[in-house]
Amino acid sequence: MPEVDRGQEDVARLEAGLDALDVPAPASQGPSGLRRFAAVVLPPVVAVALIIVAWQALWASALWPEWKLPSPLAVAGEVLRLAREGQITETLWTSTHRAVLGFLVAVAIGTPLGLVVARVRVVRAAIGPLLSGLQSLPSVAWVPAAVLWLGLNDSMIYAVVLLGAVPSIANGLVAGIDQVPPLLLRVGAVLGAGRLQSARHVLLPAALPGYLAGLKQGWAFSWRSLMAAEIIARSPDLGIGLGQLLEQGRLLTDMSTVITAILLILTVGIGVELLFFRPLERQVLRSRGLTGAPS
């Protein structure tokens, strides 16, 4: 009987341990708002300040002529001039609305395509390698073909954006679905979920981290594709986007305009990451219990 009592005590200790796992840990006091703000804002501000200091030092050393490396003050003056003329607002709107619309259409196409490729073996064997090849193909290669097919208009630019973004989104979803445990699908089938319900309520939520990574990569490809199309294809009907502004600076040998366009392109990319993708990624990770996700 002592062995039975010892076994019951072991079971009781095990149950107590499992119950302790369910008890939420006491919330630890995080850093104050000021400290948290400083931890988030100060590092990038210091990095930018160091870059500007190094830039100013290179300019002062006169290793390159002024038309090759203007001073930070000259670039700041160019930014202010373009802002006063309203050209920054115009170019930002022209490029960002094209990128956002193209990305949304790419999501609408790439998501069902990824589902079909991931779940239908014949389709995967047929076009899976093609999607991977299209993802690795530089988007700039599509610009001449799109110009010949569609002409110098917005349709050409959207076609290049879609061809650059759709494969990345589809492949991201395929990679996410490949990591979904088969047990989840069997549980969904036991509970009576059909194919559409299983895809909506089981596959997509379980594959969300991989799908989100595909969305981030798809946005990056759509932004790069747009810049390539705007730099190469120039027409009054297309308006002035960031790519056209960059090419205009090159044609005029105006390095201040070139650097201004590069900074604007970089600003849009960083802004989309910080304002959209990073909060979404943080929410997805926290919903899976990964509370250590960076803020």
Protein backbone atom coordinates (compact mmCIF):
# COMPACT_ATOMS: atom_id res chain seq x y z
CA MET A 1 0.00 0.00 0.00
CA PRO A 2 2.84 2.48 0.56
CA GLU A 3 3.60 2.25 -3.17
CA VAL A 4 -0.01 3.18 -3.96
CA ASP A 5 0.15 6.14 -1.58
CA ARG A 6 3.42 7.25 -3.13
CA GLY A 7 1.87 7.03 -6.62
CA GLN A 8 -1.12 9.09 -5.52
CA GLU A 9 1.22 11.71 -4.06
CA ASP A 10 3.12 11.87 -7.38
CA VAL A 11 -0.14 12.34 -9.29
CA ALA A 12 -1.22 15.06 -6.86
CA ARG A 13 2.10 16.90 -7.29
CA LEU A 14 1.79 16.60 -11.07
CA GLU A 15 -1.75 18.03 -11.02
CA ALA A 16 -0.58 20.88 -8.78
CA GLY A 17 2.21 21.65 -11.23
CA LEU A 18 -0.18 21.68 -14.19
CA ASP A 19 -2.57 23.95 -12.30
CA ALA A 20 0.33 26.30 -11.59
CA LEU A 21 1.02 26.57 -15.31
CA ASP A 22 -2.51 27.87 -15.86
CA VAL A 23 -2.11 30.63 -13.28
CA PRO A 24 -0.98 33.80 -15.05
CA ALA A 25 2.28 35.18 -13.85
CA PRO A 26 2.06 38.46 -11.96
CA ALA A 27 2.43 41.37 -14.30
CA SER A 28 5.86 42.84 -13.85
CA GLN A 29 6.16 46.56 -13.98
CA GLY A 30 7.64 47.52 -17.30
CA PRO A 31 9.78 50.57 -17.91
CA SER A 32 8.23 53.98 -17.57
CA GLY A 33 6.76 55.69 -20.60
CA LEU A 34 9.73 58.06 -20.88
CA ARG A 35 12.27 55.25 -20.68
CA ARG A 36 10.35 53.15 -23.18
CA PHE A 37 10.12 56.12 -25.55
CA ALA A 38 13.85 56.74 -25.20
CA ALA A 39 14.63 53.06 -25.82
CA VAL A 40 12.56 53.05 -29.00
CA VAL A 41 13.33 56.50 -30.42
CA LEU A 42 16.88 57.30 -29.36
CA PRO A 43 18.75 54.45 -31.15
CA PRO A 44 17.50 55.30 -34.66
CA VAL A 45 17.90 59.05 -34.00
CA VAL A 46 21.49 58.51 -32.89
CA ALA A 47 22.13 56.29 -35.94
CA VAL A 48 20.78 58.97 -38.30
CA ALA A 49 22.84 61.64 -36.55
CA LEU A 50 26.01 59.56 -36.94
CA ILE A 51 25.28 59.03 -40.64
CA ILE A 52 24.81 62.78 -41.15
CA VAL A 53 28.04 63.52 -39.28
CA ALA A 54 29.95 61.01 -41.43
CA TRP A 55 28.32 62.44 -44.55
CA GLN A 56 29.32 65.98 -43.55
CA ALA A 57 32.88 64.82 -42.84
CA LEU A 58 33.17 63.19 -46.27
CA TRP A 59 31.84 66.33 -47.93
CA ALA A 60 34.26 68.53 -45.99
CA SER A 61 37.19 66.32 -46.98
CA ALA A 62 36.50 67.24 -50.65
CA LEU A 63 37.33 63.74 -51.88
CA TRP A 64 34.61 64.11 -54.53
CA PRO A 65 33.34 67.19 -56.37
CA GLU A 66 30.17 68.90 -55.19
CA TRP A 67 28.06 67.50 -58.03
CA LYS A 68 28.93 63.97 -56.91
CA LEU A 69 28.53 64.43 -53.15
CA PRO A 70 26.53 67.47 -52.04
CA SER A 71 26.47 68.52 -48.42
CA PRO A 72 23.62 67.58 -46.06
CA LEU A 73 22.57 71.25 -46.03
CA ALA A 74 22.32 71.28 -49.84
CA VAL A 75 20.08 68.19 -49.79
CA ALA A 76 17.98 69.69 -46.99
CA GLY A 77 17.57 72.84 -49.12
CA GLU A 78 16.43 70.72 -52.06
CA VAL A 79 13.89 68.95 -49.85
CA LEU A 80 12.51 72.30 -48.66
CA ARG A 81 12.33 73.60 -52.23
CA LEU A 82 10.41 70.57 -53.46
CA ALA A 83 8.12 70.77 -50.44
CA ARG A 84 7.33 74.45 -51.06
CA GLU A 85 6.55 73.69 -54.70
CA GLY A 86 4.26 70.82 -53.68
CA GLN A 87 6.28 68.31 -55.68
CA ILE A 88 7.01 66.06 -52.71
CA THR A 89 3.32 65.66 -51.95
CA GLU A 90 2.55 64.96 -55.61
CA THR A 91 5.31 62.39 -56.05
CA LEU A 92 4.54 60.63 -52.77
CA TRP A 93 0.85 60.37 -53.63
CA THR A 94 1.54 59.15 -57.16
CA SER A 95 3.85 56.35 -56.02
CA THR A 96 2.24 55.30 -52.73
CA HIS A 97 -1.30 54.99 -54.09
CA ARG A 98 0.00 52.89 -57.00
CA ALA A 99 1.95 50.67 -54.60
CA VAL A 100 -0.95 50.23 -52.17
CA LEU A 101 -3.51 49.45 -54.90
CA GLY A 102 -1.13 47.06 -56.63
CA PHE A 103 -0.31 45.35 -53.33
CA LEU A 104 -3.99 44.90 -52.41
CA VAL A 105 -4.75 43.37 -55.80
CA ALA A 106 -1.68 41.13 -55.39
CA VAL A 107 -3.01 39.95 -52.02
CA ALA A 108 -6.41 39.20 -53.58
CA ILE A 109 -4.72 37.12 -56.28
CA GLY A 110 -1.84 35.58 -54.33
CA THR A 111 -3.89 34.35 -51.36
CA PRO A 112 -6.25 31.96 -53.22
CA LEU A 113 -3.41 31.00 -55.53
CA GLY A 114 -1.27 30.03 -52.54
CA LEU A 115 -4.11 28.02 -51.04
CA VAL A 116 -4.63 26.07 -54.25
CA VAL A 117 -0.92 25.43 -54.75
CA ALA A 118 -0.51 24.28 -51.15
CA ARG A 119 -3.51 21.94 -51.11
CA VAL A 120 -3.70 20.53 -54.66
CA ARG A 121 -0.75 18.32 -55.51
CA VAL A 122 -1.20 18.50 -59.26
CA VAL A 123 -1.29 22.29 -59.24
CA ARG A 124 1.74 22.39 -56.96
CA ALA A 125 3.71 20.09 -59.23
CA ALA A 126 2.66 22.14 -62.27
CA ILE A 127 3.20 25.75 -61.17
CA GLY A 128 5.06 25.52 -57.84
CA PRO A 129 8.51 25.73 -59.47
CA LEU A 130 7.22 28.48 -61.77
CA LEU A 131 6.17 30.60 -58.78
CA SER A 132 9.60 30.15 -57.19
CA GLY A 133 11.26 31.13 -60.47
CA LEU A 134 9.06 34.21 -60.85
CA GLN A 135 9.87 35.23 -57.29
CA SER A 136 13.59 35.16 -58.03
CA LEU A 137 13.20 36.97 -61.37
CA PRO A 138 14.15 40.65 -61.07
CA SER A 139 11.04 42.78 -61.53
CA VAL A 140 12.89 45.17 -63.81
CA ALA A 141 12.95 42.40 -66.43
CA TRP A 142 9.17 42.74 -66.82
CA VAL A 143 9.22 46.47 -67.61
CA PRO A 144 10.17 46.27 -71.33
CA ALA A 145 7.66 43.48 -71.95
CA ALA A 146 4.90 45.34 -70.08
CA VAL A 147 5.58 48.52 -72.09
CA LEU A 148 5.28 46.59 -75.36
CA TRP A 149 2.16 44.74 -74.21
CA LEU A 150 0.24 47.57 -72.53
CA GLY A 151 1.93 50.83 -73.54
CA LEU A 152 3.10 53.69 -71.34
CA ASN A 153 0.18 53.91 -68.92
CA ASP A 154 -0.82 52.94 -65.39
CA SER A 155 -1.85 49.45 -66.51
CA MET A 156 1.77 48.73 -67.40
CA ILE A 157 2.96 49.81 -63.96
CA TYR A 158 0.32 47.76 -62.14
CA ALA A 159 1.20 44.72 -64.25
CA VAL A 160 4.87 44.99 -63.20
CA VAL A 161 3.84 45.39 -59.55
CA LEU A 162 1.59 42.33 -59.68
CA LEU A 163 4.20 40.18 -61.38
CA GLY A 164 6.65 41.11 -58.66
CA ALA A 165 4.36 40.74 -55.62
CA VAL A 166 1.99 37.83 -56.36
CA PRO A 167 4.63 35.05 -56.37
CA SER A 168 6.05 36.20 -53.01
CA ILE A 169 2.63 36.30 -51.35
CA ALA A 170 1.62 32.92 -52.75
CA ASN A 171 4.92 31.28 -51.77
CA GLY A 172 4.71 32.77 -48.28
CA LEU A 173 1.27 31.26 -47.78
CA VAL A 174 2.43 27.90 -49.16
CA ALA A 175 5.36 27.88 -46.73
CA GLY A 176 3.04 28.73 -43.85
CA ILE A 177 0.54 26.00 -44.75
CA ASP A 178 3.36 23.43 -45.07
CA GLN A 179 4.14 24.06 -41.39
CA VAL A 180 0.57 23.50 -40.19
CA PRO A 181 0.36 20.21 -38.20
CA PRO A 182 -1.89 17.69 -40.04
CA LEU A 183 -3.62 17.02 -36.73
CA LEU A 184 -5.32 20.42 -36.93
CA LEU A 185 -6.82 19.58 -40.30
CA ARG A 186 -8.06 16.22 -39.04
CA VAL A 187 -9.65 17.88 -36.02
CA GLY A 188 -11.38 20.36 -38.31
CA ALA A 189 -12.69 17.52 -40.48
CA VAL A 190 -13.97 15.65 -37.41
CA LEU A 191 -15.82 18.79 -36.33
CA GLY A 192 -17.52 18.92 -39.71
CA ALA A 193 -15.55 21.67 -41.44
CA GLY A 194 -15.72 21.53 -45.22
CA ARG A 195 -12.88 22.58 -47.51
CA LEU A 196 -13.77 26.25 -47.51
CA GLN A 197 -14.43 26.32 -43.77
CA SER A 198 -11.20 24.42 -43.11
CA ALA A 199 -9.25 26.89 -45.23
CA ARG A 200 -10.83 29.89 -43.53
CA HIS A 201 -10.93 28.73 -39.90
CA VAL A 202 -8.00 26.29 -39.72
CA LEU A 203 -5.43 26.73 -42.49
CA LEU A 204 -5.21 30.52 -42.71
CA PRO A 205 -5.09 31.17 -38.93
CA ALA A 206 -2.52 28.40 -38.39
CA ALA A 207 -0.40 29.56 -41.33
CA LEU A 208 -0.64 33.24 -40.36
CA PRO A 209 3.03 33.77 -39.36
CA GLY A 210 4.30 32.40 -42.67
CA TYR A 211 1.57 34.24 -44.55
CA LEU A 212 2.52 37.50 -42.82
CA ALA A 213 6.15 36.98 -43.82
CA GLY A 214 4.96 36.49 -47.40
CA LEU A 215 2.92 39.69 -47.20
CA LYS A 216 5.95 41.67 -45.99
CA GLN A 217 8.06 40.26 -48.79
CA GLY A 218 5.23 40.88 -51.26
CA TRP A 219 5.07 44.54 -50.23
CA ALA A 220 8.84 44.85 -50.61
CA PHE A 221 8.67 43.32 -54.09
CA SER A 222 5.75 45.52 -55.11
CA TRP A 223 7.58 48.67 -53.93
CA ARG A 224 10.77 47.68 -55.76
CA SER A 225 8.83 46.74 -58.88
CA LEU A 226 7.06 50.10 -58.85
CA MET A 227 10.33 51.99 -58.54
CA ALA A 228 11.84 50.00 -61.44
CA ALA A 229 8.81 50.70 -63.63
CA GLU A 230 8.76 54.41 -62.79
CA ILE A 231 12.49 54.82 -63.45
CA ILE A 232 12.46 53.08 -66.84
CA ALA A 233 9.04 54.05 -68.20
CA ARG A 234 8.59 57.82 -68.45
CA SER A 235 5.62 59.56 -70.02
CA PRO A 236 3.50 62.67 -69.31
CA ASP A 237 0.52 60.33 -68.95
CA LEU A 238 2.21 58.56 -66.00
CA GLY A 239 2.73 61.67 -63.89
CA ILE A 240 5.75 62.24 -61.65
CA GLY A 241 6.39 59.53 -59.09
CA LEU A 242 9.40 58.88 -56.91
CA GLY A 243 11.04 56.80 -59.61
CA GLN A 244 10.58 59.56 -62.19
CA LEU A 245 11.97 62.11 -59.70
CA LEU A 246 15.03 59.92 -59.20
CA GLU A 247 15.59 59.55 -62.94
CA GLN A 248 15.00 63.26 -63.47
CA GLY A 249 17.81 64.03 -61.02
CA ARG A 250 20.13 61.67 -62.87
CA LEU A 251 19.36 63.24 -66.26
CA LEU A 252 20.03 66.72 -64.86
CA THR A 253 23.18 65.54 -63.00
CA ASP A 254 21.55 66.90 -59.84
CA MET A 255 22.78 64.69 -57.01
CA SER A 256 20.75 66.65 -54.44
CA THR A 257 17.54 65.62 -56.22
CA VAL A 258 18.78 62.03 -56.53
CA ILE A 259 19.53 61.78 -52.80
CA THR A 260 16.21 63.45 -51.97
CA ALA A 261 14.33 60.85 -54.02
CA ILE A 262 16.29 58.02 -52.39
CA LEU A 263 15.48 59.37 -48.93
CA LEU A 264 11.78 59.65 -49.79
CA ILE A 265 11.71 56.07 -51.11
CA LEU A 266 13.44 54.88 -47.94
CA THR A 267 11.03 56.87 -45.76
CA VAL A 268 7.99 55.25 -47.33
CA GLY A 269 9.46 51.77 -46.84
CA ILE A 270 10.32 52.42 -43.19
CA GLY A 271 6.93 54.04 -42.56
CA VAL A 272 4.96 51.06 -43.92
CA GLU A 273 7.06 48.68 -41.82
CA LEU A 274 6.64 50.67 -38.59
CA LEU A 275 3.00 51.69 -39.00
CA PHE A 276 1.53 48.51 -40.48
CA PHE A 277 3.62 45.37 -40.57
CA ARG A 278 5.38 45.64 -37.21
CA PRO A 279 2.18 46.20 -35.15
CA LEU A 280 0.46 43.40 -37.08
CA GLU A 281 3.39 41.04 -36.53
CA ARG A 282 3.50 41.93 -32.83
CA GLN A 283 -0.21 41.19 -32.48
CA VAL A 284 0.12 37.82 -34.25
CA LEU A 285 3.06 36.77 -32.07
CA ARG A 286 1.35 37.82 -28.86
CA SER A 287 -1.83 35.95 -29.82
CA ARG A 288 0.35 32.82 -29.90
CA GLY A 289 1.77 33.48 -26.46
CA LEU A 290 5.06 34.95 -27.67
CA THR A 291 4.89 37.91 -25.32
CA GLY A 292 8.60 38.50 -25.69
CA ALA A 293 8.04 39.89 -29.17
CA PRO A 294 9.83 43.19 -29.61
CA SER A 295 7.73 46.31 -29.30
